[in-house]
Amino acid sequence: MDKIRVIHDVVGRTLTVWLDEPGKEHICEETTDEVVLMKDKNGRVIGFELLHYRPSSTEPGLAVETVVRAAS
């Protein structure tokens, strides 16, 4: 099973999502929408970070929804 890591930095106001191992990060690139893409040495996106993230709720923690669809 693939693992996805979600990290909310309250102090830095970022939300980081890793789709692969962070150690594979080779280069980062910021988009115009204040999103940073983390890429491996082959240029494949392995994570992204939302800058200036503030959750819509004041409750602690993050709600994460998982949807799995069978291959057709």
C-alpha atoms as a PDB file:
ATOM      1  CA  MET A   1       0.000   0.000   0.000  1.00  0.00           C
ATOM      2  CA  ASP A   2       1.275   3.480  -0.865  1.00  0.00           C
ATOM      3  CA  LYS A   3       1.579   5.954   1.974  1.00  0.00           C
ATOM      4  CA  ILE A   4       0.765   9.630   1.771  1.00  0.00           C
ATOM      5  CA  ARG A   5       2.144  11.920   4.465  1.00  0.00           C
ATOM      6  CA  VAL A   6       0.288  15.097   5.382  1.00  0.00           C
ATOM      7  CA  ILE A   7       2.085  17.605   7.602  1.00  0.00           C
ATOM      8  CA  HIS A   8       0.466  20.776   8.921  1.00  0.00           C
ATOM      9  CA  ASP A   9       2.970  23.313  10.260  1.00  0.00           C
ATOM     10  CA  VAL A  10       0.902  25.694  12.384  1.00  0.00           C
ATOM     11  CA  VAL A  11       3.786  28.077  13.084  1.00  0.00           C
ATOM     12  CA  GLY A  12       5.047  28.205   9.482  1.00  0.00           C
ATOM     13  CA  ARG A  13       1.476  28.130   8.126  1.00  0.00           C
ATOM     14  CA  THR A  14       2.180  25.418   5.557  1.00  0.00           C
ATOM     15  CA  LEU A  15       0.504  22.180   4.558  1.00  0.00           C
ATOM     16  CA  THR A  16       2.875  19.628   3.059  1.00  0.00           C
ATOM     17  CA  VAL A  17       1.784  16.452   1.271  1.00  0.00           C
ATOM     18  CA  TRP A  18       4.348  13.775   0.407  1.00  0.00           C
ATOM     19  CA  LEU A  19       3.386  11.209  -2.241  1.00  0.00           C
ATOM     20  CA  ASP A  20       6.760   9.421  -2.006  1.00  0.00           C
ATOM     21  CA  GLU A  21       9.756   9.375   0.330  1.00  0.00           C
ATOM     22  CA  PRO A  22      10.950  12.906   1.218  1.00  0.00           C
ATOM     23  CA  GLY A  23      14.556  11.725   0.938  1.00  0.00           C
ATOM     24  CA  LYS A  24      14.085  11.398  -2.828  1.00  0.00           C
ATOM     25  CA  GLU A  25      13.588  15.171  -3.145  1.00  0.00           C
ATOM     26  CA  HIS A  26      16.021  16.624  -5.662  1.00  0.00           C
ATOM     27  CA  ILE A  27      14.576  20.017  -6.565  1.00  0.00           C
ATOM     28  CA  CYS A  28      11.724  22.327  -5.529  1.00  0.00           C
ATOM     29  CA  GLU A  29       9.831  24.697  -7.751  1.00  0.00           C
ATOM     30  CA  GLU A  30       7.343  27.364  -6.645  1.00  0.00           C
ATOM     31  CA  THR A  31       4.259  27.912  -8.786  1.00  0.00           C
ATOM     32  CA  THR A  32       2.413  31.197  -9.201  1.00  0.00           C
ATOM     33  CA  ASP A  33      -0.285  29.995  -6.776  1.00  0.00           C
ATOM     34  CA  GLU A  34       2.092  29.826  -3.776  1.00  0.00           C
ATOM     35  CA  VAL A  35       2.422  26.086  -4.100  1.00  0.00           C
ATOM     36  CA  VAL A  36       5.848  24.473  -3.960  1.00  0.00           C
ATOM     37  CA  LEU A  37       6.334  21.274  -5.973  1.00  0.00           C
ATOM     38  CA  MET A  38       8.959  18.842  -4.709  1.00  0.00           C
ATOM     39  CA  LYS A  39      10.428  16.668  -7.462  1.00  0.00           C
ATOM     40  CA  ASP A  40      12.766  13.695  -7.638  1.00  0.00           C
ATOM     41  CA  LYS A  41      15.853  13.544  -9.872  1.00  0.00           C
ATOM     42  CA  ASN A  42      13.676  12.451 -12.824  1.00  0.00           C
ATOM     43  CA  GLY A  43      11.414  15.504 -12.496  1.00  0.00           C
ATOM     44  CA  ARG A  44       8.492  13.502 -11.105  1.00  0.00           C
ATOM     45  CA  VAL A  45       6.397  15.350  -8.489  1.00  0.00           C
ATOM     46  CA  ILE A  46       6.740  13.515  -5.179  1.00  0.00           C
ATOM     47  CA  GLY A  47       5.140  16.150  -2.966  1.00  0.00           C
ATOM     48  CA  PHE A  48       3.725  19.628  -2.712  1.00  0.00           C
ATOM     49  CA  GLU A  49       3.491  22.337  -0.100  1.00  0.00           C
ATOM     50  CA  LEU A  50       0.774  24.968   0.261  1.00  0.00           C
ATOM     51  CA  LEU A  51       2.172  28.235   1.563  1.00  0.00           C
ATOM     52  CA  HIS A  52       0.139  30.511   3.870  1.00  0.00           C
ATOM     53  CA  TYR A  53      -2.223  27.642   4.741  1.00  0.00           C
ATOM     54  CA  ARG A  54      -4.895  28.306   7.344  1.00  0.00           C
ATOM     55  CA  PRO A  55      -7.496  25.634   8.073  1.00  0.00           C
ATOM     56  CA  SER A  56     -11.141  26.644   7.741  1.00  0.00           C
ATOM     57  CA  SER A  57     -11.905  25.237  11.205  1.00  0.00           C
ATOM     58  CA  THR A  58     -10.402  26.219  14.536  1.00  0.00           C
ATOM     59  CA  GLU A  59     -10.604  22.633  15.797  1.00  0.00           C
ATOM     60  CA  PRO A  60      -7.201  20.947  16.221  1.00  0.00           C
ATOM     61  CA  GLY A  61      -6.177  18.278  13.719  1.00  0.00           C
ATOM     62  CA  LEU A  62      -6.943  17.708  10.061  1.00  0.00           C
ATOM     63  CA  ALA A  63      -9.751  15.708   8.513  1.00  0.00           C
ATOM     64  CA  VAL A  64      -8.502  13.581   5.630  1.00  0.00           C
ATOM     65  CA  GLU A  65     -10.871  11.819   3.236  1.00  0.00           C
ATOM     66  CA  THR A  66      -9.732   8.752   1.319  1.00  0.00           C
ATOM     67  CA  VAL A  67     -11.435   7.598  -1.883  1.00  0.00           C
ATOM     68  CA  VAL A  68     -10.220   4.407  -3.548  1.00  0.00           C
ATOM     69  CA  ARG A  69     -11.545   3.470  -6.970  1.00  0.00           C
ATOM     70  CA  ALA A  70     -11.034   0.098  -8.570  1.00  0.00           C
ATOM     71  CA  ALA A  71      -9.209  -0.005 -11.887  1.00  0.00           C
ATOM     72  CA  SER A  72     -11.596  -0.361 -14.807  1.00  0.00           C
END
